[in-house]
């Protein structure tokens, strides 16, 4: 089990045809769901509390992601406030050749709030 709360959370997904729109590219909503999942895990591992998504900022779809692609999502906490934190998520599109660099296909900033047992905002004790 990863214990470093500052380590990035990494998810790798294969884009299947059923995930594609009529143009043959990944649905934006599917990608956003994956990004929310990755960022939620990163926020939880940072605080070791329950967390909730408070906002999504600057969600950018930079490149189409065709079905058949392999996508790697990386999420990490980049700012910590009193009870909230920002988690950056980047989606990298793998290339066909091993020696080619992945392409930044999408990115976003998610805002999470740490919660106590009663569902109220809880002070985050850890700093970056």
C-alpha atoms as a PDB file:
ATOM      1  CA  UNK A   1       0.000   0.000   0.000  1.00  0.00           C
ATOM      2  CA  UNK A   2       1.274   3.457  -0.885  1.00  0.00           C
ATOM      3  CA  UNK A   3       1.803   5.459   2.282  1.00  0.00           C
ATOM      4  CA  UNK A   4       3.341   8.661   0.941  1.00  0.00           C
ATOM      5  CA  UNK A   5       0.438  11.152   1.003  1.00  0.00           C
ATOM      6  CA  UNK A   6       2.233  13.367  -1.506  1.00  0.00           C
ATOM      7  CA  UNK A   7       2.758  10.593  -4.064  1.00  0.00           C
ATOM      8  CA  UNK A   8       0.671  10.967  -7.217  1.00  0.00           C
ATOM      9  CA  UNK A   9      -2.313   8.707  -7.751  1.00  0.00           C
ATOM     10  CA  UNK A  10      -2.046   7.008 -11.126  1.00  0.00           C
ATOM     11  CA  UNK A  11      -4.835   5.290 -13.062  1.00  0.00           C
ATOM     12  CA  UNK A  12      -4.383   3.677 -16.467  1.00  0.00           C
ATOM     13  CA  UNK A  13      -7.421   3.066 -18.667  1.00  0.00           C
ATOM     14  CA  UNK A  14      -7.984   1.541 -22.071  1.00  0.00           C
ATOM     15  CA  UNK A  15     -10.570   3.467 -24.084  1.00  0.00           C
ATOM     16  CA  UNK A  16     -13.156   1.033 -25.410  1.00  0.00           C
ATOM     17  CA  UNK A  17     -15.584   1.617 -28.265  1.00  0.00           C
ATOM     18  CA  UNK A  18     -18.575   1.755 -25.879  1.00  0.00           C
ATOM     19  CA  UNK A  19     -16.890   4.769 -24.206  1.00  0.00           C
ATOM     20  CA  UNK A  20     -16.711   6.716 -27.469  1.00  0.00           C
ATOM     21  CA  UNK A  21     -18.976   9.331 -28.980  1.00  0.00           C
ATOM     22  CA  UNK A  22     -20.128   9.401 -32.627  1.00  0.00           C
ATOM     23  CA  UNK A  23     -16.741  10.827 -33.671  1.00  0.00           C
ATOM     24  CA  UNK A  24     -14.958   7.826 -32.149  1.00  0.00           C
ATOM     25  CA  UNK A  25     -13.459   9.775 -29.237  1.00  0.00           C
ATOM     26  CA  UNK A  26     -13.836   9.296 -25.482  1.00  0.00           C
ATOM     27  CA  UNK A  27     -16.925  10.975 -23.998  1.00  0.00           C
ATOM     28  CA  UNK A  28     -15.876  14.043 -21.996  1.00  0.00           C
ATOM     29  CA  UNK A  29     -18.157  13.038 -19.126  1.00  0.00           C
ATOM     30  CA  UNK A  30     -16.456   9.652 -18.835  1.00  0.00           C
ATOM     31  CA  UNK A  31     -13.062  11.324 -18.657  1.00  0.00           C
ATOM     32  CA  UNK A  32     -14.336  13.814 -16.087  1.00  0.00           C
ATOM     33  CA  UNK A  33     -15.617  10.927 -13.939  1.00  0.00           C
ATOM     34  CA  UNK A  34     -12.218   9.224 -14.059  1.00  0.00           C
ATOM     35  CA  UNK A  35     -10.520  12.511 -13.165  1.00  0.00           C
ATOM     36  CA  UNK A  36     -12.861  12.982 -10.199  1.00  0.00           C
ATOM     37  CA  UNK A  37     -12.109   9.449  -9.007  1.00  0.00           C
ATOM     38  CA  UNK A  38      -8.330   9.944  -9.220  1.00  0.00           C
ATOM     39  CA  UNK A  39      -8.467  13.348  -7.523  1.00  0.00           C
ATOM     40  CA  UNK A  40     -10.730  12.012  -4.766  1.00  0.00           C
ATOM     41  CA  UNK A  41      -8.267   9.231  -3.977  1.00  0.00           C
ATOM     42  CA  UNK A  42      -5.392  11.741  -3.930  1.00  0.00           C
ATOM     43  CA  UNK A  43      -7.335  14.021  -1.544  1.00  0.00           C
ATOM     44  CA  UNK A  44      -8.265  11.113   0.722  1.00  0.00           C
ATOM     45  CA  UNK A  45      -4.702   9.790   0.881  1.00  0.00           C
ATOM     46  CA  UNK A  46      -3.447  13.280   1.705  1.00  0.00           C
ATOM     47  CA  UNK A  47      -5.852  13.821   4.612  1.00  0.00           C
ATOM     48  CA  UNK A  48      -6.885  10.273   5.614  1.00  0.00           C
ATOM     49  CA  UNK A  49     -10.379  11.680   6.158  1.00  0.00           C
ATOM     50  CA  UNK A  50     -13.563  11.516   4.151  1.00  0.00           C
ATOM     51  CA  UNK A  51     -13.506  14.130   1.403  1.00  0.00           C
ATOM     52  CA  UNK A  52     -16.026  15.627  -0.968  1.00  0.00           C
ATOM     53  CA  UNK A  53     -15.700  17.406  -4.295  1.00  0.00           C
ATOM     54  CA  UNK A  54     -16.477  21.098  -3.822  1.00  0.00           C
ATOM     55  CA  UNK A  55     -15.621  22.430  -7.283  1.00  0.00           C
ATOM     56  CA  UNK A  56     -13.996  21.667 -10.597  1.00  0.00           C
ATOM     57  CA  UNK A  57     -11.865  24.469 -11.997  1.00  0.00           C
ATOM     58  CA  UNK A  58     -10.287  24.840 -15.410  1.00  0.00           C
ATOM     59  CA  UNK A  59     -11.283  21.518 -16.945  1.00  0.00           C
ATOM     60  CA  UNK A  60      -9.505  21.518 -20.294  1.00  0.00           C
ATOM     61  CA  UNK A  61      -9.980  18.978 -23.072  1.00  0.00           C
ATOM     62  CA  UNK A  62      -6.792  19.568 -25.076  1.00  0.00           C
ATOM     63  CA  UNK A  63      -6.690  16.636 -27.534  1.00  0.00           C
ATOM     64  CA  UNK A  64      -9.273  14.112 -28.752  1.00  0.00           C
ATOM     65  CA  UNK A  65      -8.826  10.678 -27.177  1.00  0.00           C
ATOM     66  CA  UNK A  66      -9.770   8.066 -29.798  1.00  0.00           C
ATOM     67  CA  UNK A  67     -11.126   4.669 -28.834  1.00  0.00           C
ATOM     68  CA  UNK A  68      -8.366   2.079 -28.694  1.00  0.00           C
ATOM     69  CA  UNK A  69      -6.092   4.549 -26.888  1.00  0.00           C
ATOM     70  CA  UNK A  70      -4.374   4.015 -23.562  1.00  0.00           C
ATOM     71  CA  UNK A  71      -4.774   6.891 -21.156  1.00  0.00           C
ATOM     72  CA  UNK A  72      -2.878   7.508 -17.932  1.00  0.00           C
ATOM     73  CA  UNK A  73      -4.339   9.883 -15.350  1.00  0.00           C
ATOM     74  CA  UNK A  74      -2.176  11.393 -12.628  1.00  0.00           C
ATOM     75  CA  UNK A  75      -3.563  13.280  -9.647  1.00  0.00           C
ATOM     76  CA  UNK A  76      -1.762  15.121  -6.861  1.00  0.00           C
ATOM     77  CA  UNK A  77      -2.544  17.675  -4.178  1.00  0.00           C
ATOM     78  CA  UNK A  78      -1.037  21.021  -5.192  1.00  0.00           C
ATOM     79  CA  UNK A  79      -2.512  23.425  -2.583  1.00  0.00           C
ATOM     80  CA  UNK A  80      -3.737  23.017   0.974  1.00  0.00           C
ATOM     81  CA  UNK A  81      -6.003  25.462   2.797  1.00  0.00           C
ATOM     82  CA  UNK A  82      -7.726  25.276   6.169  1.00  0.00           C
ATOM     83  CA  UNK A  83     -10.216  22.519   5.274  1.00  0.00           C
ATOM     84  CA  UNK A  84      -9.904  22.416   1.489  1.00  0.00           C
ATOM     85  CA  UNK A  85      -7.273  21.406  -1.009  1.00  0.00           C
ATOM     86  CA  UNK A  86      -6.686  21.657  -4.749  1.00  0.00           C
ATOM     87  CA  UNK A  87      -5.889  18.491  -6.655  1.00  0.00           C
ATOM     88  CA  UNK A  88      -4.433  18.729 -10.151  1.00  0.00           C
ATOM     89  CA  UNK A  89      -5.230  15.900 -12.558  1.00  0.00           C
ATOM     90  CA  UNK A  90      -3.526  15.418 -15.918  1.00  0.00           C
ATOM     91  CA  UNK A  91      -4.631  12.859 -18.506  1.00  0.00           C
ATOM     92  CA  UNK A  92      -1.773  11.614 -20.682  1.00  0.00           C
ATOM     93  CA  UNK A  93      -2.427   9.933 -24.023  1.00  0.00           C
ATOM     94  CA  UNK A  94       0.103   7.197 -24.760  1.00  0.00           C
ATOM     95  CA  UNK A  95       1.645   7.171 -28.212  1.00  0.00           C
ATOM     96  CA  UNK A  96       1.899   4.216 -30.585  1.00  0.00           C
ATOM     97  CA  UNK A  97       5.692   4.014 -30.319  1.00  0.00           C
ATOM     98  CA  UNK A  98       7.613   3.318 -27.117  1.00  0.00           C
ATOM     99  CA  UNK A  99      10.086   6.143 -27.714  1.00  0.00           C
ATOM    100  CA  UNK A 100       7.388   8.803 -28.225  1.00  0.00           C
ATOM    101  CA  UNK A 101       6.430  11.093 -25.372  1.00  0.00           C
ATOM    102  CA  UNK A 102       2.828  10.945 -24.139  1.00  0.00           C
ATOM    103  CA  UNK A 103       0.519  13.817 -25.104  1.00  0.00           C
ATOM    104  CA  UNK A 104      -1.238  15.955 -22.503  1.00  0.00           C
ATOM    105  CA  UNK A 105      -4.839  15.274 -23.548  1.00  0.00           C
ATOM    106  CA  UNK A 106      -6.702  16.929 -20.661  1.00  0.00           C
ATOM    107  CA  UNK A 107      -6.185  18.538 -17.278  1.00  0.00           C
ATOM    108  CA  UNK A 108      -8.245  19.980 -14.461  1.00  0.00           C
ATOM    109  CA  UNK A 109      -8.104  21.361 -10.960  1.00  0.00           C
ATOM    110  CA  UNK A 110     -10.493  19.809  -8.446  1.00  0.00           C
ATOM    111  CA  UNK A 111     -11.264  21.373  -5.066  1.00  0.00           C
ATOM    112  CA  UNK A 112     -11.926  18.976  -2.191  1.00  0.00           C
ATOM    113  CA  UNK A 113     -13.064  19.552   1.376  1.00  0.00           C
ATOM    114  CA  UNK A 114     -11.947  17.346   4.259  1.00  0.00           C
ATOM    115  CA  UNK A 115     -14.867  16.129   6.376  1.00  0.00           C
ATOM    116  CA  UNK A 116     -15.233  15.034   9.987  1.00  0.00           C
ATOM    117  CA  UNK A 117     -17.446  12.166  11.155  1.00  0.00           C
ATOM    118  CA  UNK A 118     -20.497  14.436  11.074  1.00  0.00           C
ATOM    119  CA  UNK A 119     -19.879  15.585   7.499  1.00  0.00           C
ATOM    120  CA  UNK A 120     -18.652  19.046   8.548  1.00  0.00           C
ATOM    121  CA  UNK A 121     -15.455  20.643   7.182  1.00  0.00           C
ATOM    122  CA  UNK A 122     -12.411  19.449   9.098  1.00  0.00           C
ATOM    123  CA  UNK A 123      -9.067  21.231   9.438  1.00  0.00           C
ATOM    124  CA  UNK A 124      -6.341  19.647   7.338  1.00  0.00           C
ATOM    125  CA  UNK A 125      -3.331  19.011   9.567  1.00  0.00           C
ATOM    126  CA  UNK A 126      -0.818  18.170   6.825  1.00  0.00           C
ATOM    127  CA  UNK A 127       1.018  20.740   4.685  1.00  0.00           C
ATOM    128  CA  UNK A 128       2.759  20.371   1.339  1.00  0.00           C
END
